[in-house]
Amino acid sequence: MRIFIAGASGAIGSHLVFQLVARGHEVVGTTRSAAKTGALRALGAEPVIVDALDPDSVADVVARAEPEVIVHQLTALRGPADFRHVKRMAAATNRLRTEGTDHLLAAARAVGVAKFVAQSNSGWMERTGGPVADENGRIEPNPPADAAAAVAALRHLEAAVTGISWADGIVLRYGGFYGPGTGIEAAPDAVMAGLIRRRRFPIVGGGGGVWSLVHITDAASATVAAIERGKPGIYHVGDDEPAPVRDWLPELARALGAKPPRRVPAWLVRLLAGRTPVDMMTRARGISSEKIKRELDWAPRYPTWRTGFTEGMR
C-alpha cells in the first residue's frame, strides 16, 4: 500500500517507517524540519516538509502523495523537561490533536483514502472501574483543571476519527512509550532517563496509579497490524503487565543505573506542579490489549516491561 505518515520523524514515526518499508509498503513521511529529511530518506521513505496546522499545506502534500492510508502520529512532545517548555509542548500537541486532525481528515476525504489511523494515549482512561480498562472504557470526563485541555484534545481526536463514514477510522490508545528514541532509553542525552538518573522523577504519594507501558518497536508493530488488518474503532496497545508506578519505576531506575526514585508527598507535588502529576501517579488506570491480540494477531516482542527495561533500551 501507499501510506502517508504525518509525524514520521517523531518517536514512533521512524520505527513505523522502518517496519512498513521492510514489509514492502511505499511510505511518504512528513517532518517539520528540513534537517530530518535525510534520515527519513535513509529509512526508505519519501520525505515531505509540512506545517500540519496549515490546512492548505496539508491538503497539497496529501493530494500529491495520493495515499491509500493516512497515519496520524503528530505530537510536539520533544525537548527540555522544564515546566515552561512542557507547557508549550502540551499546548502545541493539543492543537495537533484538534486542528491537525481536522486538516488531515479533510485532506484524506478529498483524495479518497481507505483507512485513517490515529495516535491517542491511554493515560486518561476514566478513573473508576478497576485497575485495567478495555476499549469500552471512556476518557475521564472530569479531569483535573490543569489537564482539561489535553483531555479535551484527545476526546476530539477519538470522536473525529472513529466518527468518519467514508473510510475506516481507527484510533490506537498507546501505553507509555519507552525504548530507543523515546527519551526513556540508554542514550546519555535521553531527557526522561536523565530526570530518572538525577532522581527528579519521583514516586508521588503511594504511587498506586496503574500504568500500561509499551516498547516503541511493539507500538510500531501494533500500528502496522492496524494499518494492514484493522477494523474501524479503538484498539489498546500496551504490554501484558499493567503495574502501579511504585512497582515499575524503581525497576526502570535500576535498569538505567540510577538510584531508587525518591518518594514525595502528594500534597507537596500538588502545591508545586498542580493536580495532573498527582492524578497520574496515584489514580491512573492501565489498559488491556486483548482485543488487538485477538483480532489482529498482534503480540508484543516485550510482553512485560521487566524484560523490556533490561533488553530493549538500546
C-alpha atoms as a PDB file:
ATOM      1  CA  MET A   1       0.000   0.000   0.000  1.00  0.00           C
ATOM      2  CA  ARG A   2       0.959   3.641  -0.315  1.00  0.00           C
ATOM      3  CA  ILE A   3       0.950   5.064   3.202  1.00  0.00           C
ATOM      4  CA  PHE A   4       1.219   8.687   4.335  1.00  0.00           C
ATOM      5  CA  ILE A   5       2.635   9.112   7.845  1.00  0.00           C
ATOM      6  CA  ALA A   6       2.080  12.511   9.439  1.00  0.00           C
ATOM      7  CA  GLY A   7       4.790  12.844  12.070  1.00  0.00           C
ATOM      8  CA  ALA A   8       7.196  10.342  10.529  1.00  0.00           C
ATOM      9  CA  SER A   9      10.250  11.809  12.265  1.00  0.00           C
ATOM     10  CA  GLY A  10       8.767  11.528  15.760  1.00  0.00           C
ATOM     11  CA  ALA A  11       9.340   8.928  18.459  1.00  0.00           C
ATOM     12  CA  ILE A  12       7.216   6.210  16.874  1.00  0.00           C
ATOM     13  CA  GLY A  13       7.361   7.506  13.319  1.00  0.00           C
ATOM     14  CA  SER A  14      10.868   6.357  12.445  1.00  0.00           C
ATOM     15  CA  HIS A  15      10.214   2.864  13.831  1.00  0.00           C
ATOM     16  CA  LEU A  16       6.966   2.702  11.900  1.00  0.00           C
ATOM     17  CA  VAL A  17       8.611   3.803   8.643  1.00  0.00           C
ATOM     18  CA  PHE A  18      11.297   1.137   9.050  1.00  0.00           C
ATOM     19  CA  GLN A  19       8.771  -1.651   9.668  1.00  0.00           C
ATOM     20  CA  LEU A  20       6.421  -0.626   6.868  1.00  0.00           C
ATOM     21  CA  VAL A  21       9.199  -0.333   4.285  1.00  0.00           C
ATOM     22  CA  ALA A  22      10.531  -3.739   5.368  1.00  0.00           C
ATOM     23  CA  ARG A  23       7.083  -5.174   4.617  1.00  0.00           C
ATOM     24  CA  GLY A  24       7.058  -3.743   1.098  1.00  0.00           C
ATOM     25  CA  HIS A  25       4.858  -0.682   1.585  1.00  0.00           C
ATOM     26  CA  GLU A  26       5.513   2.685  -0.058  1.00  0.00           C
ATOM     27  CA  VAL A  27       5.807   5.381   2.602  1.00  0.00           C
ATOM     28  CA  VAL A  28       5.545   9.148   2.375  1.00  0.00           C
ATOM     29  CA  GLY A  29       6.590  10.697   5.695  1.00  0.00           C
ATOM     30  CA  THR A  30       6.192  14.240   6.949  1.00  0.00           C
ATOM     31  CA  THR A  31       8.509  16.305   9.087  1.00  0.00           C
ATOM     32  CA  ARG A  32       8.597  19.952  10.129  1.00  0.00           C
ATOM     33  CA  SER A  33      12.376  20.115   9.740  1.00  0.00           C
ATOM     34  CA  ALA A  34      14.455  20.004   6.573  1.00  0.00           C
ATOM     35  CA  ALA A  35      17.277  18.595   8.696  1.00  0.00           C
ATOM     36  CA  LYS A  36      15.307  15.389   9.239  1.00  0.00           C
ATOM     37  CA  THR A  37      14.527  14.612   5.617  1.00  0.00           C
ATOM     38  CA  GLY A  38      17.791  12.754   5.126  1.00  0.00           C
ATOM     39  CA  ALA A  39      17.065  10.361   7.980  1.00  0.00           C
ATOM     40  CA  LEU A  40      13.621   9.591   6.567  1.00  0.00           C
ATOM     41  CA  ARG A  41      15.067   9.016   3.113  1.00  0.00           C
ATOM     42  CA  ALA A  42      17.665   6.662   4.585  1.00  0.00           C
ATOM     43  CA  LEU A  43      14.852   4.617   6.137  1.00  0.00           C
ATOM     44  CA  GLY A  44      13.233   4.255   2.725  1.00  0.00           C
ATOM     45  CA  ALA A  45      10.504   6.904   2.983  1.00  0.00           C
ATOM     46  CA  GLU A  46       9.761   9.772   0.635  1.00  0.00           C
ATOM     47  CA  PRO A  47      10.108  12.813   2.922  1.00  0.00           C
ATOM     48  CA  VAL A  48       7.928  15.916   2.724  1.00  0.00           C
ATOM     49  CA  ILE A  49       8.044  19.068   4.820  1.00  0.00           C
ATOM     50  CA  VAL A  50       4.680  20.319   6.008  1.00  0.00           C
ATOM     51  CA  ASP A  51       3.108  22.575   8.595  1.00  0.00           C
ATOM     52  CA  ALA A  52       0.321  20.391   9.952  1.00  0.00           C
ATOM     53  CA  LEU A  53      -1.565  23.445  11.226  1.00  0.00           C
ATOM     54  CA  ASP A  54      -1.778  24.956   7.729  1.00  0.00           C
ATOM     55  CA  PRO A  55      -4.797  23.318   6.026  1.00  0.00           C
ATOM     56  CA  ASP A  56      -3.707  24.317   2.523  1.00  0.00           C
ATOM     57  CA  SER A  57      -0.228  22.870   3.045  1.00  0.00           C
ATOM     58  CA  VAL A  58      -1.697  19.615   4.375  1.00  0.00           C
ATOM     59  CA  ALA A  59      -4.174  19.360   1.530  1.00  0.00           C
ATOM     60  CA  ASP A  60      -1.430  19.952  -1.041  1.00  0.00           C
ATOM     61  CA  VAL A  61       1.047  17.315   0.240  1.00  0.00           C
ATOM     62  CA  VAL A  62      -1.686  14.693   0.718  1.00  0.00           C
ATOM     63  CA  ALA A  63      -3.074  15.334  -2.770  1.00  0.00           C
ATOM     64  CA  ARG A  64       0.398  14.938  -4.283  1.00  0.00           C
ATOM     65  CA  ALA A  65       1.105  11.785  -2.256  1.00  0.00           C
ATOM     66  CA  GLU A  66      -2.191  10.081  -3.246  1.00  0.00           C
ATOM     67  CA  PRO A  67      -2.075   7.638  -0.318  1.00  0.00           C
ATOM     68  CA  GLU A  68      -4.378   4.734   0.387  1.00  0.00           C
ATOM     69  CA  VAL A  69      -3.809   5.081   4.140  1.00  0.00           C
ATOM     70  CA  ILE A  70      -3.041   8.061   6.370  1.00  0.00           C
ATOM     71  CA  VAL A  71      -1.406   7.552   9.764  1.00  0.00           C
ATOM     72  CA  HIS A  72      -1.613  10.470  12.207  1.00  0.00           C
ATOM     73  CA  GLN A  73       1.308  10.402  14.644  1.00  0.00           C
ATOM     74  CA  LEU A  74       1.658  14.152  15.138  1.00  0.00           C
ATOM     75  CA  THR A  75       2.771  15.414  18.559  1.00  0.00           C
ATOM     76  CA  ALA A  76       5.144  18.104  19.803  1.00  0.00           C
ATOM     77  CA  LEU A  77       6.474  16.175  22.798  1.00  0.00           C
ATOM     78  CA  ARG A  78      10.204  16.707  22.363  1.00  0.00           C
ATOM     79  CA  GLY A  79      12.723  18.942  24.074  1.00  0.00           C
ATOM     80  CA  PRO A  80      13.715  20.029  27.588  1.00  0.00           C
ATOM     81  CA  ALA A  81      11.592  18.884  30.518  1.00  0.00           C
ATOM     82  CA  ASP A  82      11.432  22.224  32.303  1.00  0.00           C
ATOM     83  CA  PHE A  83       7.986  23.397  33.361  1.00  0.00           C
ATOM     84  CA  ARG A  84       7.658  26.258  30.865  1.00  0.00           C
ATOM     85  CA  HIS A  85       8.754  24.161  27.895  1.00  0.00           C
ATOM     86  CA  VAL A  86       6.481  21.281  28.897  1.00  0.00           C
ATOM     87  CA  LYS A  87       3.509  23.657  28.901  1.00  0.00           C
ATOM     88  CA  ARG A  88       4.380  24.851  25.404  1.00  0.00           C
ATOM     89  CA  MET A  89       4.788  21.274  24.154  1.00  0.00           C
ATOM     90  CA  ALA A  90       1.423  20.291  25.624  1.00  0.00           C
ATOM     91  CA  ALA A  91      -0.332  23.283  24.051  1.00  0.00           C
ATOM     92  CA  ALA A  92       1.221  22.555  20.652  1.00  0.00           C
ATOM     93  CA  THR A  93       0.264  18.883  20.889  1.00  0.00           C
ATOM     94  CA  ASN A  94      -3.316  19.824  21.756  1.00  0.00           C
ATOM     95  CA  ARG A  95      -3.509  21.855  18.552  1.00  0.00           C
ATOM     96  CA  LEU A  96      -2.114  18.973  16.520  1.00  0.00           C
ATOM     97  CA  ARG A  97      -4.754  16.662  18.012  1.00  0.00           C
ATOM     98  CA  THR A  98      -7.581  19.080  17.206  1.00  0.00           C
ATOM     99  CA  GLU A  99      -6.774  21.346  14.262  1.00  0.00           C
ATOM    100  CA  GLY A 100      -4.154  18.957  12.869  1.00  0.00           C
ATOM    101  CA  THR A 101      -6.582  16.043  12.995  1.00  0.00           C
ATOM    102  CA  ASP A 102      -9.270  18.034  11.221  1.00  0.00           C
ATOM    103  CA  HIS A 103      -6.874  19.133   8.472  1.00  0.00           C
ATOM    104  CA  LEU A 104      -5.671  15.577   7.872  1.00  0.00           C
ATOM    105  CA  LEU A 105      -9.199  14.196   7.801  1.00  0.00           C
ATOM    106  CA  ALA A 106     -10.315  16.821   5.286  1.00  0.00           C
ATOM    107  CA  ALA A 107      -7.323  16.057   3.063  1.00  0.00           C
ATOM    108  CA  ALA A 108      -7.891  12.310   3.431  1.00  0.00           C
ATOM    109  CA  ARG A 109     -11.521  12.600   2.395  1.00  0.00           C
ATOM    110  CA  ALA A 110     -10.624  14.747  -0.601  1.00  0.00           C
ATOM    111  CA  VAL A 111      -8.283  12.099  -2.039  1.00  0.00           C
ATOM    112  CA  GLY A 112     -10.440   9.115  -1.054  1.00  0.00           C
ATOM    113  CA  VAL A 113      -8.196   7.255   1.380  1.00  0.00           C
ATOM    114  CA  ALA A 114      -9.464   3.880   2.546  1.00  0.00           C
ATOM    115  CA  LYS A 115      -8.125   3.969   6.099  1.00  0.00           C
ATOM    116  CA  PHE A 116      -7.158   6.616   8.654  1.00  0.00           C
ATOM    117  CA  VAL A 117      -5.182   5.532  11.744  1.00  0.00           C
ATOM    118  CA  ALA A 118      -4.530   7.982  14.578  1.00  0.00           C
ATOM    119  CA  GLN A 119      -2.498   8.105  17.790  1.00  0.00           C
ATOM    120  CA  SER A 120      -4.262   8.538  21.120  1.00  0.00           C
ATOM    121  CA  ASN A 121      -2.986   7.505  24.544  1.00  0.00           C
ATOM    122  CA  SER A 122      -4.273   5.563  27.466  1.00  0.00           C
ATOM    123  CA  GLY A 123      -3.191   7.855  30.272  1.00  0.00           C
ATOM    124  CA  TRP A 124      -6.608   9.399  30.786  1.00  0.00           C
ATOM    125  CA  MET A 125      -8.917   6.427  30.970  1.00  0.00           C
ATOM    126  CA  GLU A 126     -11.868   7.075  33.289  1.00  0.00           C
ATOM    127  CA  ARG A 127     -10.727   6.855  36.913  1.00  0.00           C
ATOM    128  CA  THR A 128     -13.423   4.404  38.004  1.00  0.00           C
ATOM    129  CA  GLY A 129     -13.990   0.727  37.232  1.00  0.00           C
ATOM    130  CA  GLY A 130     -10.928  -1.135  38.440  1.00  0.00           C
ATOM    131  CA  PRO A 131      -7.196  -1.016  37.673  1.00  0.00           C
ATOM    132  CA  VAL A 132      -7.433  -2.003  33.980  1.00  0.00           C
ATOM    133  CA  ALA A 133      -9.774  -0.773  31.215  1.00  0.00           C
ATOM    134  CA  ASP A 134     -10.673  -2.313  27.870  1.00  0.00           C
ATOM    135  CA  GLU A 135     -11.776  -0.443  24.746  1.00  0.00           C
ATOM    136  CA  ASN A 136     -15.277   0.041  26.118  1.00  0.00           C
ATOM    137  CA  GLY A 137     -13.806   2.387  28.714  1.00  0.00           C
ATOM    138  CA  ARG A 138     -14.122   6.077  28.083  1.00  0.00           C
ATOM    139  CA  ILE A 139     -11.776   9.001  28.566  1.00  0.00           C
ATOM    140  CA  GLU A 140     -12.019  10.594  32.016  1.00  0.00           C
ATOM    141  CA  PRO A 141     -14.993  13.013  31.949  1.00  0.00           C
ATOM    142  CA  ASN A 142     -13.797  15.121  34.894  1.00  0.00           C
ATOM    143  CA  PRO A 143     -10.011  15.522  34.666  1.00  0.00           C
ATOM    144  CA  PRO A 144      -8.080  17.998  36.821  1.00  0.00           C
ATOM    145  CA  ALA A 145      -8.425  21.555  35.566  1.00  0.00           C
ATOM    146  CA  ASP A 146      -4.776  21.693  34.523  1.00  0.00           C
ATOM    147  CA  ALA A 147      -5.318  18.647  32.257  1.00  0.00           C
ATOM    148  CA  ALA A 148      -8.678  19.668  30.827  1.00  0.00           C
ATOM    149  CA  ALA A 149      -7.321  20.995  27.521  1.00  0.00           C
ATOM    150  CA  ALA A 150      -5.200  17.902  26.879  1.00  0.00           C
ATOM    151  CA  VAL A 151      -8.053  15.540  27.677  1.00  0.00           C
ATOM    152  CA  ALA A 152     -10.447  17.530  25.505  1.00  0.00           C
ATOM    153  CA  ALA A 153      -7.967  17.293  22.622  1.00  0.00           C
ATOM    154  CA  LEU A 154      -7.796  13.507  22.971  1.00  0.00           C
ATOM    155  CA  ARG A 155     -11.574  13.311  23.092  1.00  0.00           C
ATOM    156  CA  HIS A 156     -11.826  15.431  19.941  1.00  0.00           C
ATOM    157  CA  LEU A 157      -9.340  13.247  18.061  1.00  0.00           C
ATOM    158  CA  GLU A 158     -11.016   9.991  19.031  1.00  0.00           C
ATOM    159  CA  ALA A 159     -14.523  11.197  18.181  1.00  0.00           C
ATOM    160  CA  ALA A 160     -13.458  12.763  14.882  1.00  0.00           C
ATOM    161  CA  VAL A 161     -11.574   9.705  13.635  1.00  0.00           C
ATOM    162  CA  THR A 162     -13.974   6.994  14.751  1.00  0.00           C
ATOM    163  CA  GLY A 163     -16.903   9.056  13.513  1.00  0.00           C
ATOM    164  CA  ILE A 164     -15.986   9.056   9.826  1.00  0.00           C
ATOM    165  CA  SER A 165     -18.153   7.034   7.440  1.00  0.00           C
ATOM    166  CA  TRP A 166     -16.166   7.467   4.215  1.00  0.00           C
ATOM    167  CA  ALA A 167     -13.158   5.390   5.362  1.00  0.00           C
ATOM    168  CA  ASP A 168     -12.107   3.043   8.168  1.00  0.00           C
ATOM    169  CA  GLY A 169     -11.315   5.280  11.124  1.00  0.00           C
ATOM    170  CA  ILE A 170      -9.035   3.623  13.688  1.00  0.00           C
ATOM    171  CA  VAL A 171      -7.720   5.042  16.968  1.00  0.00           C
ATOM    172  CA  LEU A 172      -4.821   3.464  18.836  1.00  0.00           C
ATOM    173  CA  ARG A 173      -4.655   4.205  22.555  1.00  0.00           C
ATOM    174  CA  TYR A 174      -0.999   3.558  23.295  1.00  0.00           C
ATOM    175  CA  GLY A 175       0.531   2.880  26.679  1.00  0.00           C
ATOM    176  CA  GLY A 176       3.574   4.845  27.767  1.00  0.00           C
ATOM    177  CA  PHE A 177       6.449   4.568  25.298  1.00  0.00           C
ATOM    178  CA  TYR A 178       9.965   3.519  26.252  1.00  0.00           C
ATOM    179  CA  GLY A 179      12.969   2.393  24.242  1.00  0.00           C
ATOM    180  CA  PRO A 180      15.159   3.989  21.542  1.00  0.00           C
ATOM    181  CA  GLY A 181      14.089   7.484  20.544  1.00  0.00           C
ATOM    182  CA  THR A 182      11.524   7.952  23.324  1.00  0.00           C
ATOM    183  CA  GLY A 183      13.616   9.716  25.962  1.00  0.00           C
ATOM    184  CA  ILE A 184      13.323   6.680  28.246  1.00  0.00           C
ATOM    185  CA  GLU A 185      16.319   4.774  26.919  1.00  0.00           C
ATOM    186  CA  ALA A 186      20.001   4.119  27.491  1.00  0.00           C
ATOM    187  CA  ALA A 187      21.246   7.098  25.440  1.00  0.00           C
ATOM    188  CA  PRO A 188      23.207   9.519  27.656  1.00  0.00           C
ATOM    189  CA  ASP A 189      21.266  12.556  26.415  1.00  0.00           C
ATOM    190  CA  ALA A 190      17.788  10.987  26.804  1.00  0.00           C
ATOM    191  CA  VAL A 191      15.582  13.582  28.512  1.00  0.00           C
ATOM    192  CA  MET A 192      13.327  11.455  30.703  1.00  0.00           C
ATOM    193  CA  ALA A 193      16.076   8.979  31.535  1.00  0.00           C
ATOM    194  CA  GLY A 194      18.156  11.959  32.642  1.00  0.00           C
ATOM    195  CA  LEU A 195      15.452  13.014  35.075  1.00  0.00           C
ATOM    196  CA  ILE A 196      15.324   9.500  36.493  1.00  0.00           C
ATOM    197  CA  ARG A 197      19.117   9.377  36.867  1.00  0.00           C
ATOM    198  CA  ARG A 198      19.051  12.703  38.708  1.00  0.00           C
ATOM    199  CA  ARG A 199      16.209  11.416  40.902  1.00  0.00           C
ATOM    200  CA  ARG A 200      13.862  14.123  39.612  1.00  0.00           C
ATOM    201  CA  PHE A 201      11.104  11.701  38.601  1.00  0.00           C
ATOM    202  CA  PRO A 202       9.720  10.647  41.993  1.00  0.00           C
ATOM    203  CA  ILE A 203       7.048   8.302  43.218  1.00  0.00           C
ATOM    204  CA  VAL A 204       4.214  10.572  44.257  1.00  0.00           C
ATOM    205  CA  GLY A 205       2.157   9.659  47.303  1.00  0.00           C
ATOM    206  CA  GLY A 206       1.633   5.916  47.431  1.00  0.00           C
ATOM    207  CA  GLY A 207       2.453   5.506  43.743  1.00  0.00           C
ATOM    208  CA  GLY A 208      -0.698   3.448  43.242  1.00  0.00           C
ATOM    209  CA  GLY A 209      -1.556   4.769  39.779  1.00  0.00           C
ATOM    210  CA  VAL A 210      -1.520   1.863  37.300  1.00  0.00           C
ATOM    211  CA  TRP A 211       0.354   2.490  34.060  1.00  0.00           C
ATOM    212  CA  SER A 212       0.489   0.389  30.927  1.00  0.00           C
ATOM    213  CA  LEU A 213       3.825   0.610  29.134  1.00  0.00           C
ATOM    214  CA  VAL A 214       4.814  -0.486  25.637  1.00  0.00           C
ATOM    215  CA  HIS A 215       8.200  -0.741  23.963  1.00  0.00           C
ATOM    216  CA  ILE A 216       8.383   1.606  20.999  1.00  0.00           C
ATOM    217  CA  THR A 217       9.052  -1.198  18.499  1.00  0.00           C
ATOM    218  CA  ASP A 218       5.987  -3.030  19.787  1.00  0.00           C
ATOM    219  CA  ALA A 219       3.905   0.133  19.447  1.00  0.00           C
ATOM    220  CA  ALA A 220       5.074   0.359  15.839  1.00  0.00           C
ATOM    221  CA  SER A 221       4.297  -3.303  15.076  1.00  0.00           C
ATOM    222  CA  ALA A 222       0.806  -2.873  16.529  1.00  0.00           C
ATOM    223  CA  THR A 223       0.337   0.121  14.241  1.00  0.00           C
ATOM    224  CA  VAL A 224       1.415  -1.957  11.249  1.00  0.00           C
ATOM    225  CA  ALA A 225      -1.185  -4.561  12.240  1.00  0.00           C
ATOM    226  CA  ALA A 226      -3.863  -1.850  12.407  1.00  0.00           C
ATOM    227  CA  ILE A 227      -2.855  -0.483   9.016  1.00  0.00           C
ATOM    228  CA  GLU A 228      -2.901  -3.890   7.350  1.00  0.00           C
ATOM    229  CA  ARG A 229      -5.780  -5.624   9.147  1.00  0.00           C
ATOM    230  CA  GLY A 230      -7.530  -3.197  11.484  1.00  0.00           C
ATOM    231  CA  LYS A 231     -11.267  -2.567  11.567  1.00  0.00           C
ATOM    232  CA  PRO A 232     -12.956   0.740  12.434  1.00  0.00           C
ATOM    233  CA  GLY A 233     -12.891   1.600  16.118  1.00  0.00           C
ATOM    234  CA  ILE A 234     -10.432   1.734  19.008  1.00  0.00           C
ATOM    235  CA  TYR A 235      -7.594  -0.618  19.916  1.00  0.00           C
ATOM    236  CA  HIS A 236      -5.492  -0.544  23.075  1.00  0.00           C
ATOM    237  CA  VAL A 237      -1.742  -1.062  22.701  1.00  0.00           C
ATOM    238  CA  GLY A 238       0.215  -1.961  25.832  1.00  0.00           C
ATOM    239  CA  ASP A 239       2.253  -4.805  27.232  1.00  0.00           C
ATOM    240  CA  ASP A 240       0.814  -7.650  29.293  1.00  0.00           C
ATOM    241  CA  GLU A 241       1.690  -6.289  32.739  1.00  0.00           C
ATOM    242  CA  PRO A 242      -0.051  -3.051  33.754  1.00  0.00           C
ATOM    243  CA  ALA A 243       1.519  -2.093  37.069  1.00  0.00           C
ATOM    244  CA  PRO A 244       1.485   0.600  39.768  1.00  0.00           C
ATOM    245  CA  VAL A 245       4.144   3.294  39.473  1.00  0.00           C
ATOM    246  CA  ARG A 246       5.661   2.138  42.769  1.00  0.00           C
ATOM    247  CA  ASP A 247       6.435  -1.231  41.135  1.00  0.00           C
ATOM    248  CA  TRP A 248       7.805  -0.337  37.711  1.00  0.00           C
ATOM    249  CA  LEU A 249       9.594   2.970  38.361  1.00  0.00           C
ATOM    250  CA  PRO A 250      12.245   1.520  40.747  1.00  0.00           C
ATOM    251  CA  GLU A 251      12.924  -1.224  38.186  1.00  0.00           C
ATOM    252  CA  LEU A 252      13.335   1.366  35.450  1.00  0.00           C
ATOM    253  CA  ALA A 253      15.762   3.328  37.614  1.00  0.00           C
ATOM    254  CA  ARG A 254      17.761   0.171  38.247  1.00  0.00           C
ATOM    255  CA  ALA A 255      17.895  -0.624  34.527  1.00  0.00           C
ATOM    256  CA  LEU A 256      19.217   2.892  33.857  1.00  0.00           C
ATOM    257  CA  GLY A 257      21.886   2.552  36.532  1.00  0.00           C
ATOM    258  CA  ALA A 258      20.196   5.133  38.756  1.00  0.00           C
ATOM    259  CA  LYS A 259      19.491   5.244  42.450  1.00  0.00           C
ATOM    260  CA  PRO A 260      15.938   4.384  43.539  1.00  0.00           C
ATOM    261  CA  PRO A 261      13.403   7.157  42.921  1.00  0.00           C
ATOM    262  CA  ARG A 262      12.575   9.497  45.752  1.00  0.00           C
ATOM    263  CA  ARG A 263       9.141   9.448  47.354  1.00  0.00           C
ATOM    264  CA  VAL A 264       7.346  12.781  47.570  1.00  0.00           C
ATOM    265  CA  PRO A 265       4.050  13.534  49.364  1.00  0.00           C
ATOM    266  CA  ALA A 266       1.107  14.134  47.055  1.00  0.00           C
ATOM    267  CA  TRP A 267       0.236  17.432  48.764  1.00  0.00           C
ATOM    268  CA  LEU A 268       3.697  18.841  48.005  1.00  0.00           C
ATOM    269  CA  VAL A 269       3.588  17.855  44.319  1.00  0.00           C
ATOM    270  CA  ARG A 270       0.083  19.274  44.059  1.00  0.00           C
ATOM    271  CA  LEU A 271       1.360  22.556  45.502  1.00  0.00           C
ATOM    272  CA  LEU A 272       4.432  22.777  43.268  1.00  0.00           C
ATOM    273  CA  ALA A 273       3.291  21.193  39.995  1.00  0.00           C
ATOM    274  CA  GLY A 274      -0.509  21.025  40.039  1.00  0.00           C
ATOM    275  CA  ARG A 275      -3.044  18.233  40.212  1.00  0.00           C
ATOM    276  CA  THR A 276      -2.223  16.420  36.985  1.00  0.00           C
ATOM    277  CA  PRO A 277       1.030  14.693  38.035  1.00  0.00           C
ATOM    278  CA  VAL A 278      -0.607  13.654  41.310  1.00  0.00           C
ATOM    279  CA  ASP A 279      -3.576  12.206  39.440  1.00  0.00           C
ATOM    280  CA  MET A 280      -1.337  10.320  37.007  1.00  0.00           C
ATOM    281  CA  MET A 281       0.817   8.893  39.772  1.00  0.00           C
ATOM    282  CA  THR A 282      -1.979   7.920  42.144  1.00  0.00           C
ATOM    283  CA  ARG A 283      -5.203   7.356  40.142  1.00  0.00           C
ATOM    284  CA  ALA A 284      -4.255   6.305  36.589  1.00  0.00           C
ATOM    285  CA  ARG A 285      -5.637   3.061  35.167  1.00  0.00           C
ATOM    286  CA  GLY A 286      -3.899   0.591  32.905  1.00  0.00           C
ATOM    287  CA  ILE A 287      -5.281  -0.964  29.731  1.00  0.00           C
ATOM    288  CA  SER A 288      -5.988  -4.430  28.385  1.00  0.00           C
ATOM    289  CA  SER A 289      -4.650  -5.157  24.889  1.00  0.00           C
ATOM    290  CA  GLU A 290      -6.549  -8.415  24.452  1.00  0.00           C
ATOM    291  CA  LYS A 291      -8.646  -7.043  21.582  1.00  0.00           C
ATOM    292  CA  ILE A 292      -5.752  -6.210  19.272  1.00  0.00           C
ATOM    293  CA  LYS A 293      -4.033  -9.511  20.096  1.00  0.00           C
ATOM    294  CA  ARG A 294      -7.209 -11.469  19.423  1.00  0.00           C
ATOM    295  CA  GLU A 295      -8.487  -9.649  16.347  1.00  0.00           C
ATOM    296  CA  LEU A 296      -5.257  -8.629  14.605  1.00  0.00           C
ATOM    297  CA  ASP A 297      -2.965 -11.451  15.734  1.00  0.00           C
ATOM    298  CA  TRP A 298      -0.546  -8.985  17.323  1.00  0.00           C
ATOM    299  CA  ALA A 299       1.870  -9.951  20.066  1.00  0.00           C
ATOM    300  CA  PRO A 300       4.483  -7.718  21.704  1.00  0.00           C
ATOM    301  CA  ARG A 301       8.138  -8.668  21.430  1.00  0.00           C
ATOM    302  CA  TYR A 302       8.477  -7.431  25.015  1.00  0.00           C
ATOM    303  CA  PRO A 303       5.363  -8.751  26.794  1.00  0.00           C
ATOM    304  CA  THR A 304       6.421  -7.127  30.048  1.00  0.00           C
ATOM    305  CA  TRP A 305       8.394  -4.031  30.986  1.00  0.00           C
ATOM    306  CA  ARG A 306      10.547  -6.267  33.170  1.00  0.00           C
ATOM    307  CA  THR A 307      12.293  -7.733  30.121  1.00  0.00           C
ATOM    308  CA  GLY A 308      11.884  -4.581  28.063  1.00  0.00           C
ATOM    309  CA  PHE A 309      13.796  -2.475  30.602  1.00  0.00           C
ATOM    310  CA  THR A 310      16.734  -4.876  30.642  1.00  0.00           C
ATOM    311  CA  GLU A 311      16.835  -5.944  26.980  1.00  0.00           C
ATOM    312  CA  GLY A 312      15.231  -3.196  24.917  1.00  0.00           C
ATOM    313  CA  MET A 313      16.709   0.148  25.964  1.00  0.00           C
ATOM    314  CA  ARG A 314      19.301   0.482  23.180  1.00  0.00           C
END
